[in-house]
Amino acid sequence: MVLQVSGDQRERLTMSIDRLNQSSDRIKDSRRTVLETEELGVTILEDLHQQRQTLLHAHNKLHGVDDAIDKSKKVITSMSRRISRNKWIVGSVIAALVFAIILIISFKVSH
């Protein structure tokens, strides 16, 4: 009987050792997976940081372009006003000259 109990204990011990080895292998696999996931996470974070920097740089450039467009609009509006004003001035001068020519012609014809 002692040999049977001893054999039974050996079998249990062997099974326990096998389970422990399997558990150790699973833990090693889990650690490997965790490390791979961590590396992937770090890579993703670096990519996201780089993309954020790119977006911030583009955002700043767009603000600069927006400011330049606003200034351009002001210059174009000012030029348009000057063109309108100059047209009125030229039209007024032409009208005054036509009126003066008509006066001169009518004065010459009447005398």
PDB file of N, CA and C in Angstrom:
ATOM      1  N   MET A   1       0.790  -1.186   0.000  1.00  0.00           N
ATOM      2  CA  MET A   1       0.000   0.000   0.000  1.00  0.00           C
ATOM      3  C   MET A   1       0.837   1.257   0.000  1.00  0.00           C
ATOM      4  N   VAL A   2       1.932   1.205   0.640  1.00  0.00           N
ATOM      5  CA  VAL A   2       2.794   2.377   0.703  1.00  0.00           C
ATOM      6  C   VAL A   2       3.296   2.716  -0.689  1.00  0.00           C
ATOM      7  N   LEU A   3       3.579   1.686  -1.480  1.00  0.00           N
ATOM      8  CA  LEU A   3       4.065   1.926  -2.834  1.00  0.00           C
ATOM      9  C   LEU A   3       2.969   2.507  -3.705  1.00  0.00           C
ATOM     10  N   GLN A   4       1.733   2.070  -3.480  1.00  0.00           N
ATOM     11  CA  GLN A   4       0.640   2.614  -4.269  1.00  0.00           C
ATOM     12  C   GLN A   4       0.415   4.082  -3.942  1.00  0.00           C
ATOM     13  N   VAL A   5       0.435   4.438  -2.716  1.00  0.00           N
ATOM     14  CA  VAL A   5       0.247   5.831  -2.311  1.00  0.00           C
ATOM     15  C   VAL A   5       1.397   6.650  -2.842  1.00  0.00           C
ATOM     16  N   SER A   6       2.559   6.111  -2.765  1.00  0.00           N
ATOM     17  CA  SER A   6       3.723   6.820  -3.258  1.00  0.00           C
ATOM     18  C   SER A   6       3.625   7.008  -4.762  1.00  0.00           C
ATOM     19  N   GLY A   7       3.201   5.996  -5.496  1.00  0.00           N
ATOM     20  CA  GLY A   7       3.021   6.109  -6.949  1.00  0.00           C
ATOM     21  C   GLY A   7       1.923   7.109  -7.285  1.00  0.00           C
ATOM     22  N   ASP A   8       0.844   7.071  -6.491  1.00  0.00           N
ATOM     23  CA  ASP A   8      -0.256   8.009  -6.693  1.00  0.00           C
ATOM     24  C   ASP A   8       0.207   9.433  -6.419  1.00  0.00           C
ATOM     25  N   GLN A   9       1.011   9.572  -5.390  1.00  0.00           N
ATOM     26  CA  GLN A   9       1.535  10.908  -5.069  1.00  0.00           C
ATOM     27  C   GLN A   9       2.468  11.395  -6.166  1.00  0.00           C
ATOM     28  N   ARG A  10       3.249  10.483  -6.699  1.00  0.00           N
ATOM     29  CA  ARG A  10       4.157  10.867  -7.792  1.00  0.00           C
ATOM     30  C   ARG A  10       3.349  11.330  -9.007  1.00  0.00           C
ATOM     31  N   GLU A  11       2.291  10.598  -9.274  1.00  0.00           N
ATOM     32  CA  GLU A  11       1.457  10.973 -10.420  1.00  0.00           C
ATOM     33  C   GLU A  11       0.836  12.350 -10.200  1.00  0.00           C
ATOM     34  N   ARG A  12       0.342  12.593  -9.006  1.00  0.00           N
ATOM     35  CA  ARG A  12      -0.224  13.908  -8.678  1.00  0.00           C
ATOM     36  C   ARG A  12       0.838  14.990  -8.760  1.00  0.00           C
ATOM     37  N   LEU A  13       2.020  14.669  -8.236  1.00  0.00           N
ATOM     38  CA  LEU A  13       3.122  15.625  -8.274  1.00  0.00           C
ATOM     39  C   LEU A  13       3.508  15.932  -9.717  1.00  0.00           C
ATOM     40  N   THR A  14       3.575  14.907 -10.544  1.00  0.00           N
ATOM     41  CA  THR A  14       3.902  15.100 -11.958  1.00  0.00           C
ATOM     42  C   THR A  14       2.839  15.954 -12.635  1.00  0.00           C
ATOM     43  N   MET A  15       1.573  15.687 -12.333  1.00  0.00           N
ATOM     44  CA  MET A  15       0.491  16.481 -12.916  1.00  0.00           C
ATOM     45  C   MET A  15       0.575  17.933 -12.448  1.00  0.00           C
ATOM     46  N   SER A  16       0.879  18.109 -11.173  1.00  0.00           N
ATOM     47  CA  SER A  16       1.006  19.468 -10.636  1.00  0.00           C
ATOM     48  C   SER A  16       2.163  20.204 -11.296  1.00  0.00           C
ATOM     49  N   ILE A  17       3.276  19.494 -11.478  1.00  0.00           N
ATOM     50  CA  ILE A  17       4.441  20.113 -12.130  1.00  0.00           C
ATOM     51  C   ILE A  17       4.088  20.475 -13.575  1.00  0.00           C
ATOM     52  N   ASP A  18       3.374  19.579 -14.257  1.00  0.00           N
ATOM     53  CA  ASP A  18       2.950  19.869 -15.637  1.00  0.00           C
ATOM     54  C   ASP A  18       2.049  21.105 -15.678  1.00  0.00           C
ATOM     55  N   ARG A  19       1.113  21.186 -14.745  1.00  0.00           N
ATOM     56  CA  ARG A  19       0.234  22.357 -14.683  1.00  0.00           C
ATOM     57  C   ARG A  19       1.025  23.623 -14.409  1.00  0.00           C
ATOM     58  N   LEU A  20       1.980  23.522 -13.495  1.00  0.00           N
ATOM     59  CA  LEU A  20       2.824  24.685 -13.195  1.00  0.00           C
ATOM     60  C   LEU A  20       3.623  25.106 -14.423  1.00  0.00           C
ATOM     61  N   ASN A  21       4.165  24.133 -15.134  1.00  0.00           N
ATOM     62  CA  ASN A  21       4.921  24.447 -16.355  1.00  0.00           C
ATOM     63  C   ASN A  21       4.014  25.100 -17.401  1.00  0.00           C
ATOM     64  N   GLN A  22       2.803  24.562 -17.541  1.00  0.00           N
ATOM     65  CA  GLN A  22       1.861  25.156 -18.487  1.00  0.00           C
ATOM     66  C   GLN A  22       1.508  26.586 -18.073  1.00  0.00           C
ATOM     67  N   SER A  23       1.303  26.757 -16.770  1.00  0.00           N
ATOM     68  CA  SER A  23       0.993  28.104 -16.271  1.00  0.00           C
ATOM     69  C   SER A  23       2.166  29.045 -16.505  1.00  0.00           C
ATOM     70  N   SER A  24       3.369  28.554 -16.279  1.00  0.00           N
ATOM     71  CA  SER A  24       4.563  29.374 -16.524  1.00  0.00           C
ATOM     72  C   SER A  24       4.658  29.753 -17.995  1.00  0.00           C
ATOM     73  N   ASP A  25       4.381  28.784 -18.871  1.00  0.00           N
ATOM     74  CA  ASP A  25       4.408  29.075 -20.308  1.00  0.00           C
ATOM     75  C   ASP A  25       3.356  30.121 -20.673  1.00  0.00           C
ATOM     76  N   ARG A  26       2.168  29.990 -20.094  1.00  0.00           N
ATOM     77  CA  ARG A  26       1.115  30.976 -20.361  1.00  0.00           C
ATOM     78  C   ARG A  26       1.515  32.353 -19.858  1.00  0.00           C
ATOM     79  N   ILE A  27       2.129  32.389 -18.691  1.00  0.00           N
ATOM     80  CA  ILE A  27       2.584  33.677 -18.140  1.00  0.00           C
ATOM     81  C   ILE A  27       3.647  34.285 -19.042  1.00  0.00           C
ATOM     82  N   LYS A  28       4.590  33.451 -19.520  1.00  0.00           N
ATOM     83  CA  LYS A  28       5.622  33.958 -20.435  1.00  0.00           C
ATOM     84  C   LYS A  28       4.988  34.486 -21.719  1.00  0.00           C
ATOM     85  N   ASP A  29       4.022  33.737 -22.252  1.00  0.00           N
ATOM     86  CA  ASP A  29       3.319  34.191 -23.457  1.00  0.00           C
ATOM     87  C   ASP A  29       2.585  35.503 -23.190  1.00  0.00           C
ATOM     88  N   SER A  30       1.957  35.577 -22.021  1.00  0.00           N
ATOM     89  CA  SER A  30       1.240  36.804 -21.662  1.00  0.00           C
ATOM     90  C   SER A  30       2.206  37.974 -21.543  1.00  0.00           C
ATOM     91  N   ARG A  31       3.344  37.757 -20.923  1.00  0.00           N
ATOM     92  CA  ARG A  31       4.352  38.823 -20.796  1.00  0.00           C
ATOM     93  C   ARG A  31       4.834  39.266 -22.174  1.00  0.00           C
ATOM     94  N   ARG A  32       5.091  38.293 -23.042  1.00  0.00           N
ATOM     95  CA  ARG A  32       5.537  38.611 -24.399  1.00  0.00           C
ATOM     96  C   ARG A  32       4.468  39.445 -25.113  1.00  0.00           C
ATOM     97  N   THR A  33       3.219  39.030 -24.956  1.00  0.00           N
ATOM     98  CA  THR A  33       2.115  39.766 -25.575  1.00  0.00           C
ATOM     99  C   THR A  33       2.017  41.178 -25.004  1.00  0.00           C
ATOM    100  N   VAL A  34       2.184  41.290 -23.690  1.00  0.00           N
ATOM    101  CA  VAL A  34       2.139  42.612 -23.049  1.00  0.00           C
ATOM    102  C   VAL A  34       3.260  43.495 -23.577  1.00  0.00           C
ATOM    103  N   LEU A  35       4.464  42.951 -23.697  1.00  0.00           N
ATOM    104  CA  LEU A  35       5.593  43.736 -24.209  1.00  0.00           C
ATOM    105  C   LEU A  35       5.365  44.158 -25.658  1.00  0.00           C
ATOM    106  N   GLU A  36       4.856  43.231 -26.469  1.00  0.00           N
ATOM    107  CA  GLU A  36       4.565  43.578 -27.864  1.00  0.00           C
ATOM    108  C   GLU A  36       3.498  44.665 -27.936  1.00  0.00           C
ATOM    109  N   THR A  37       2.475  44.528 -27.093  1.00  0.00           N
ATOM    110  CA  THR A  37       1.403  45.524 -27.060  1.00  0.00           C
ATOM    111  C   THR A  37       1.933  46.870 -26.592  1.00  0.00           C
ATOM    112  N   GLU A  38       2.813  46.842 -25.603  1.00  0.00           N
ATOM    113  CA  GLU A  38       3.407  48.084 -25.101  1.00  0.00           C
ATOM    114  C   GLU A  38       4.241  48.750 -26.195  1.00  0.00           C
ATOM    115  N   GLU A  39       5.030  47.966 -26.912  1.00  0.00           N
ATOM    116  CA  GLU A  39       5.834  48.522 -28.010  1.00  0.00           C
ATOM    117  C   GLU A  39       4.935  49.122 -29.086  1.00  0.00           C
ATOM    118  N   LEU A  40       3.867  48.410 -29.402  1.00  0.00           N
ATOM    119  CA  LEU A  40       2.917  48.915 -30.390  1.00  0.00           C
ATOM    120  C   LEU A  40       2.272  50.213 -29.898  1.00  0.00           C
ATOM    121  N   GLY A  41       1.918  50.240 -28.618  1.00  0.00           N
ATOM    122  CA  GLY A  41       1.333  51.449 -28.032  1.00  0.00           C
ATOM    123  C   GLY A  41       2.288  52.625 -28.090  1.00  0.00           C
ATOM    124  N   VAL A  42       3.556  52.385 -27.785  1.00  0.00           N
ATOM    125  CA  VAL A  42       4.563  53.451 -27.843  1.00  0.00           C
ATOM    126  C   VAL A  42       4.702  53.956 -29.275  1.00  0.00           C
ATOM    127  N   THR A  43       4.731  53.046 -30.230  1.00  0.00           N
ATOM    128  CA  THR A  43       4.830  53.438 -31.641  1.00  0.00           C
ATOM    129  C   THR A  43       3.621  54.274 -32.055  1.00  0.00           C
ATOM    130  N   ILE A  44       2.446  53.839 -31.642  1.00  0.00           N
ATOM    131  CA  ILE A  44       1.225  54.580 -31.975  1.00  0.00           C
ATOM    132  C   ILE A  44       1.258  55.962 -31.340  1.00  0.00           C
ATOM    133  N   LEU A  45       1.683  56.044 -30.075  1.00  0.00           N
ATOM    134  CA  LEU A  45       1.764  57.349 -29.405  1.00  0.00           C
ATOM    135  C   LEU A  45       2.754  58.273 -30.102  1.00  0.00           C
ATOM    136  N   GLU A  46       3.884  57.722 -30.544  1.00  0.00           N
ATOM    137  CA  GLU A  46       4.861  58.541 -31.269  1.00  0.00           C
ATOM    138  C   GLU A  46       4.266  59.048 -32.577  1.00  0.00           C
ATOM    139  N   ASP A  47       3.557  58.168 -33.288  1.00  0.00           N
ATOM    140  CA  ASP A  47       2.909  58.578 -34.541  1.00  0.00           C
ATOM    141  C   ASP A  47       1.861  59.659 -34.282  1.00  0.00           C
ATOM    142  N   LEU A  48       1.075  59.462 -33.228  1.00  0.00           N
ATOM    143  CA  LEU A  48       0.052  60.455 -32.893  1.00  0.00           C
ATOM    144  C   LEU A  48       0.682  61.792 -32.524  1.00  0.00           C
ATOM    145  N   HIS A  49       1.788  61.749 -31.800  1.00  0.00           N
ATOM    146  CA  HIS A  49       2.480  62.991 -31.439  1.00  0.00           C
ATOM    147  C   HIS A  49       2.975  63.706 -32.696  1.00  0.00           C
ATOM    148  N   GLN A  50       3.549  62.940 -33.599  1.00  0.00           N
ATOM    149  CA  GLN A  50       4.049  63.533 -34.846  1.00  0.00           C
ATOM    150  C   GLN A  50       2.889  64.113 -35.663  1.00  0.00           C
ATOM    151  N   GLN A  51       1.781  63.404 -35.717  1.00  0.00           N
ATOM    152  CA  GLN A  51       0.617  63.912 -36.447  1.00  0.00           C
ATOM    153  C   GLN A  51       0.065  65.172 -35.785  1.00  0.00           C
ATOM    154  N   ARG A  52       0.089  65.203 -34.457  1.00  0.00           N
ATOM    155  CA  ARG A  52      -0.380  66.394 -33.734  1.00  0.00           C
ATOM    156  C   ARG A  52       0.499  67.587 -34.067  1.00  0.00           C
ATOM    157  N   GLN A  53       1.812  67.369 -34.084  1.00  0.00           N
ATOM    158  CA  GLN A  53       2.732  68.455 -34.419  1.00  0.00           C
ATOM    159  C   GLN A  53       2.481  68.943 -35.841  1.00  0.00           C
ATOM    160  N   THR A  54       2.250  68.012 -36.753  1.00  0.00           N
ATOM    161  CA  THR A  54       1.963  68.386 -38.141  1.00  0.00           C
ATOM    162  C   THR A  54       0.682  69.207 -38.220  1.00  0.00           C
ATOM    163  N   LEU A  55      -0.349  68.759 -37.502  1.00  0.00           N
ATOM    164  CA  LEU A  55      -1.617  69.495 -37.505  1.00  0.00           C
ATOM    165  C   LEU A  55      -1.464  70.883 -36.886  1.00  0.00           C
ATOM    166  N   LEU A  56      -0.720  70.988 -35.801  1.00  0.00           N
ATOM    167  CA  LEU A  56      -0.506  72.296 -35.175  1.00  0.00           C
ATOM    168  C   LEU A  56       0.245  73.225 -36.116  1.00  0.00           C
ATOM    169  N   HIS A  57       1.251  72.686 -36.800  1.00  0.00           N
ATOM    170  CA  HIS A  57       2.019  73.494 -37.750  1.00  0.00           C
ATOM    171  C   HIS A  57       1.107  73.969 -38.888  1.00  0.00           C
ATOM    172  N   ALA A  58       0.282  73.069 -39.407  1.00  0.00           N
ATOM    173  CA  ALA A  58      -0.656  73.437 -40.479  1.00  0.00           C
ATOM    174  C   ALA A  58      -1.664  74.464 -39.978  1.00  0.00           C
ATOM    175  N   HIS A  59      -2.121  74.298 -38.746  1.00  0.00           N
ATOM    176  CA  HIS A  59      -3.075  75.237 -38.150  1.00  0.00           C
ATOM    177  C   HIS A  59      -2.462  76.629 -38.061  1.00  0.00           C
ATOM    178  N   ASN A  60      -1.225  76.711 -37.607  1.00  0.00           N
ATOM    179  CA  ASN A  60      -0.544  78.004 -37.508  1.00  0.00           C
ATOM    180  C   ASN A  60      -0.356  78.631 -38.884  1.00  0.00           C
ATOM    181  N   LYS A  61       0.014  77.814 -39.866  1.00  0.00           N
ATOM    182  CA  LYS A  61       0.177  78.341 -41.229  1.00  0.00           C
ATOM    183  C   LYS A  61      -1.148  78.864 -41.763  1.00  0.00           C
ATOM    184  N   LEU A  62      -2.234  78.139 -41.492  1.00  0.00           N
ATOM    185  CA  LEU A  62      -3.541  78.579 -41.963  1.00  0.00           C
ATOM    186  C   LEU A  62      -3.944  79.899 -41.325  1.00  0.00           C
ATOM    187  N   HIS A  63      -3.595  80.092 -40.060  1.00  0.00           N
ATOM    188  CA  HIS A  63      -3.882  81.381 -39.427  1.00  0.00           C
ATOM    189  C   HIS A  63      -3.100  82.487 -40.118  1.00  0.00           C
ATOM    190  N   GLY A  64      -1.853  82.208 -40.461  1.00  0.00           N
ATOM    191  CA  GLY A  64      -1.041  83.189 -41.182  1.00  0.00           C
ATOM    192  C   GLY A  64      -1.630  83.500 -42.544  1.00  0.00           C
ATOM    193  N   VAL A  65      -2.085  82.469 -43.243  1.00  0.00           N
ATOM    194  CA  VAL A  65      -2.701  82.662 -44.557  1.00  0.00           C
ATOM    195  C   VAL A  65      -4.003  83.444 -44.406  1.00  0.00           C
ATOM    196  N   ASP A  66      -4.767  83.125 -43.367  1.00  0.00           N
ATOM    197  CA  ASP A  66      -6.025  83.826 -43.120  1.00  0.00           C
ATOM    198  C   ASP A  66      -5.774  85.313 -42.885  1.00  0.00           C
ATOM    199  N   ASP A  67      -4.751  85.634 -42.110  1.00  0.00           N
ATOM    200  CA  ASP A  67      -4.395  87.035 -41.874  1.00  0.00           C
ATOM    201  C   ASP A  67      -3.990  87.715 -43.177  1.00  0.00           C
ATOM    202  N   ALA A  68      -3.220  87.019 -43.998  1.00  0.00           N
ATOM    203  CA  ALA A  68      -2.791  87.587 -45.280  1.00  0.00           C
ATOM    204  C   ALA A  68      -3.997  87.822 -46.193  1.00  0.00           C
ATOM    205  N   ILE A  69      -4.950  86.909 -46.175  1.00  0.00           N
ATOM    206  CA  ILE A  69      -6.159  87.075 -46.991  1.00  0.00           C
ATOM    207  C   ILE A  69      -6.956  88.282 -46.512  1.00  0.00           C
ATOM    208  N   ASP A  70      -7.068  88.452 -45.196  1.00  0.00           N
ATOM    209  CA  ASP A  70      -7.775  89.621 -44.659  1.00  0.00           C
ATOM    210  C   ASP A  70      -7.113  90.916 -45.110  1.00  0.00           C
ATOM    211  N   LYS A  71      -5.793  90.967 -45.040  1.00  0.00           N
ATOM    212  CA  LYS A  71      -5.073  92.163 -45.488  1.00  0.00           C
ATOM    213  C   LYS A  71      -5.288  92.387 -46.975  1.00  0.00           C
ATOM    214  N   SER A  72      -5.259  91.319 -47.754  1.00  0.00           N
ATOM    215  CA  SER A  72      -5.474  91.432 -49.200  1.00  0.00           C
ATOM    216  C   SER A  72      -6.870  91.957 -49.502  1.00  0.00           C
ATOM    217  N   LYS A  73      -7.868  91.476 -48.763  1.00  0.00           N
ATOM    218  CA  LYS A  73      -9.236  91.961 -48.956  1.00  0.00           C
ATOM    219  C   LYS A  73      -9.314  93.460 -48.690  1.00  0.00           C
ATOM    220  N   LYS A  74      -8.648  93.910 -47.630  1.00  0.00           N
ATOM    221  CA  LYS A  74      -8.657  95.340 -47.302  1.00  0.00           C
ATOM    222  C   LYS A  74      -8.005  96.150 -48.417  1.00  0.00           C
ATOM    223  N   VAL A  75      -6.882  95.665 -48.940  1.00  0.00           N
ATOM    224  CA  VAL A  75      -6.186  96.375 -50.021  1.00  0.00           C
ATOM    225  C   VAL A  75      -7.065  96.422 -51.270  1.00  0.00           C
ATOM    226  N   ILE A  76      -7.689  95.301 -51.614  1.00  0.00           N
ATOM    227  CA  ILE A  76      -8.550  95.255 -52.802  1.00  0.00           C
ATOM    228  C   ILE A  76      -9.759  96.173 -52.628  1.00  0.00           C
ATOM    229  N   THR A  77     -10.349  96.188 -51.437  1.00  0.00           N
ATOM    230  CA  THR A  77     -11.479  97.082 -51.173  1.00  0.00           C
ATOM    231  C   THR A  77     -11.052  98.534 -51.319  1.00  0.00           C
ATOM    232  N   SER A  78      -9.898  98.863 -50.775  1.00  0.00           N
ATOM    233  CA  SER A  78      -9.372 100.229 -50.891  1.00  0.00           C
ATOM    234  C   SER A  78      -9.129 100.592 -52.353  1.00  0.00           C
ATOM    235  N   MET A  79      -8.539  99.673 -53.113  1.00  0.00           N
ATOM    236  CA  MET A  79      -8.290  99.928 -54.537  1.00  0.00           C
ATOM    237  C   MET A  79      -9.604 100.120 -55.288  1.00  0.00           C
ATOM    238  N   SER A  80     -10.604  99.318 -54.966  1.00  0.00           N
ATOM    239  CA  SER A  80     -11.910  99.426 -55.612  1.00  0.00           C
ATOM    240  C   SER A  80     -12.538 100.786 -55.329  1.00  0.00           C
ATOM    241  N   ARG A  81     -12.441 101.252 -54.098  1.00  0.00           N
ATOM    242  CA  ARG A  81     -12.968 102.583 -53.749  1.00  0.00           C
ATOM    243  C   ARG A  81     -12.243 103.672 -54.523  1.00  0.00           C
ATOM    244  N   ARG A  82     -10.925 103.556 -54.612  1.00  0.00           N
ATOM    245  CA  ARG A  82     -10.152 104.555 -55.361  1.00  0.00           C
ATOM    246  C   ARG A  82     -10.546 104.555 -56.833  1.00  0.00           C
ATOM    247  N   ILE A  83     -10.731 103.360 -57.400  1.00  0.00           N
ATOM    248  CA  ILE A  83     -11.133 103.268 -58.810  1.00  0.00           C
ATOM    249  C   ILE A  83     -12.480 103.945 -59.012  1.00  0.00           C
ATOM    250  N   SER A  84     -13.437 103.664 -58.112  1.00  0.00           N
ATOM    251  CA  SER A  84     -14.757 104.295 -58.202  1.00  0.00           C
ATOM    252  C   SER A  84     -14.646 105.807 -58.094  1.00  0.00           C
ATOM    253  N   ARG A  85     -13.883 106.261 -57.125  1.00  0.00           N
ATOM    254  CA  ARG A  85     -13.708 107.701 -56.928  1.00  0.00           C
ATOM    255  C   ARG A  85     -13.058 108.329 -58.158  1.00  0.00           C
ATOM    256  N   ASN A  86     -12.030 107.680 -58.699  1.00  0.00           N
ATOM    257  CA  ASN A  86     -11.357 108.216 -59.888  1.00  0.00           C
ATOM    258  C   ASN A  86     -12.303 108.255 -61.091  1.00  0.00           C
ATOM    259  N   LYS A  87     -13.180 107.243 -61.222  1.00  0.00           N
ATOM    260  CA  LYS A  87     -14.162 107.253 -62.312  1.00  0.00           C
ATOM    261  C   LYS A  87     -15.087 108.459 -62.185  1.00  0.00           C
ATOM    262  N   TRP A  88     -15.534 108.727 -60.955  1.00  0.00           N
ATOM    263  CA  TRP A  88     -16.410 109.884 -60.740  1.00  0.00           C
ATOM    264  C   TRP A  88     -15.680 111.191 -61.053  1.00  0.00           C
ATOM    265  N   ILE A  89     -14.440 111.260 -60.650  1.00  0.00           N
ATOM    266  CA  ILE A  89     -13.659 112.481 -60.917  1.00  0.00           C
ATOM    267  C   ILE A  89     -13.475 112.665 -62.418  1.00  0.00           C
ATOM    268  N   VAL A  90     -13.075 111.608 -63.126  1.00  0.00           N
ATOM    269  CA  VAL A  90     -12.878 111.697 -64.580  1.00  0.00           C
ATOM    270  C   VAL A  90     -14.203 112.032 -65.264  1.00  0.00           C
ATOM    271  N   GLY A  91     -15.287 111.386 -64.843  1.00  0.00           N
ATOM    272  CA  GLY A  91     -16.611 111.681 -65.405  1.00  0.00           C
ATOM    273  C   GLY A  91     -17.003 113.128 -65.173  1.00  0.00           C
ATOM    274  N   SER A  92     -16.731 113.642 -63.968  1.00  0.00           N
ATOM    275  CA  SER A  92     -17.048 115.040 -63.649  1.00  0.00           C
ATOM    276  C   SER A  92     -16.221 115.986 -64.497  1.00  0.00           C
ATOM    277  N   VAL A  93     -14.937 115.701 -64.678  1.00  0.00           N
ATOM    278  CA  VAL A  93     -14.065 116.547 -65.497  1.00  0.00           C
ATOM    279  C   VAL A  93     -14.552 116.533 -66.944  1.00  0.00           C
ATOM    280  N   ILE A  94     -14.905 115.344 -67.458  1.00  0.00           N
ATOM    281  CA  ILE A  94     -15.411 115.247 -68.834  1.00  0.00           C
ATOM    282  C   ILE A  94     -16.711 116.035 -68.967  1.00  0.00           C
ATOM    283  N   ALA A  95     -17.610 115.879 -67.998  1.00  0.00           N
ATOM    284  CA  ALA A  95     -18.877 116.623 -68.036  1.00  0.00           C
ATOM    285  C   ALA A  95     -18.615 118.124 -67.992  1.00  0.00           C
ATOM    286  N   ALA A  96     -17.678 118.556 -67.143  1.00  0.00           N
ATOM    287  CA  ALA A  96     -17.354 119.988 -67.058  1.00  0.00           C
ATOM    288  C   ALA A  96     -16.768 120.474 -68.373  1.00  0.00           C
ATOM    289  N   LEU A  97     -15.892 119.684 -68.995  1.00  0.00           N
ATOM    290  CA  LEU A  97     -15.301 120.083 -70.278  1.00  0.00           C
ATOM    291  C   LEU A  97     -16.357 120.143 -71.375  1.00  0.00           C
ATOM    292  N   VAL A  98     -17.248 119.152 -71.419  1.00  0.00           N
ATOM    293  CA  VAL A  98     -18.333 119.164 -72.407  1.00  0.00           C
ATOM    294  C   VAL A  98     -19.207 120.393 -72.200  1.00  0.00           C
ATOM    295  N   PHE A  99     -19.541 120.689 -70.943  1.00  0.00           N
ATOM    296  CA  PHE A  99     -20.345 121.875 -70.631  1.00  0.00           C
ATOM    297  C   PHE A  99     -19.618 123.142 -71.063  1.00  0.00           C
ATOM    298  N   ALA A 100     -18.295 123.202 -70.800  1.00  0.00           N
ATOM    299  CA  ALA A 100     -17.510 124.378 -71.197  1.00  0.00           C
ATOM    300  C   ALA A 100     -17.463 124.498 -72.716  1.00  0.00           C
ATOM    301  N   ILE A 101     -17.300 123.379 -73.419  1.00  0.00           N
ATOM    302  CA  ILE A 101     -17.258 123.413 -74.888  1.00  0.00           C
ATOM    303  C   ILE A 101     -18.606 123.885 -75.436  1.00  0.00           C
ATOM    304  N   ILE A 102     -19.684 123.383 -74.855  1.00  0.00           N
ATOM    305  CA  ILE A 102     -21.025 123.803 -75.286  1.00  0.00           C
ATOM    306  C   ILE A 102     -21.210 125.296 -75.042  1.00  0.00           C
ATOM    307  N   LEU A 103     -20.747 125.792 -73.894  1.00  0.00           N
ATOM    308  CA  LEU A 103     -20.849 127.224 -73.593  1.00  0.00           C
ATOM    309  C   LEU A 103     -20.039 128.042 -74.590  1.00  0.00           C
ATOM    310  N   ILE A 104     -18.830 127.567 -74.879  1.00  0.00           N
ATOM    311  CA  ILE A 104     -17.963 128.304 -75.814  1.00  0.00           C
ATOM    312  C   ILE A 104     -18.593 128.304 -77.206  1.00  0.00           C
ATOM    313  N   ILE A 105     -19.099 127.153 -77.645  1.00  0.00           N
ATOM    314  CA  ILE A 105     -19.712 127.069 -78.977  1.00  0.00           C
ATOM    315  C   ILE A 105     -20.962 127.949 -79.035  1.00  0.00           C
ATOM    316  N   SER A 106     -21.781 127.891 -77.997  1.00  0.00           N
ATOM    317  CA  SER A 106     -23.000 128.711 -77.990  1.00  0.00           C
ATOM    318  C   SER A 106     -22.658 130.195 -77.923  1.00  0.00           C
ATOM    319  N   PHE A 107     -21.597 130.553 -77.222  1.00  0.00           N
ATOM    320  CA  PHE A 107     -21.172 131.961 -77.148  1.00  0.00           C
ATOM    321  C   PHE A 107     -20.660 132.417 -78.503  1.00  0.00           C
ATOM    322  N   LYS A 108     -19.882 131.563 -79.205  1.00  0.00           N
ATOM    323  CA  LYS A 108     -19.342 131.907 -80.523  1.00  0.00           C
ATOM    324  C   LYS A 108     -20.465 132.012 -81.554  1.00  0.00           C
ATOM    325  N   VAL A 109     -21.420 131.121 -81.482  1.00  0.00           N
ATOM    326  CA  VAL A 109     -22.512 131.116 -82.448  1.00  0.00           C
ATOM    327  C   VAL A 109     -23.414 132.336 -82.238  1.00  0.00           C
ATOM    328  N   SER A 110     -23.626 132.721 -81.031  1.00  0.00           N
ATOM    329  CA  SER A 110     -24.501 133.860 -80.754  1.00  0.00           C
ATOM    330  C   SER A 110     -23.820 135.180 -81.079  1.00  0.00           C
ATOM    331  N   HIS A 111     -22.524 135.309 -81.181  1.00  0.00           N
ATOM    332  CA  HIS A 111     -21.825 136.563 -81.488  1.00  0.00           C
ATOM    333  C   HIS A 111     -21.304 136.516 -82.834  1.00  0.00           C
TER     334      HIS A 111
END
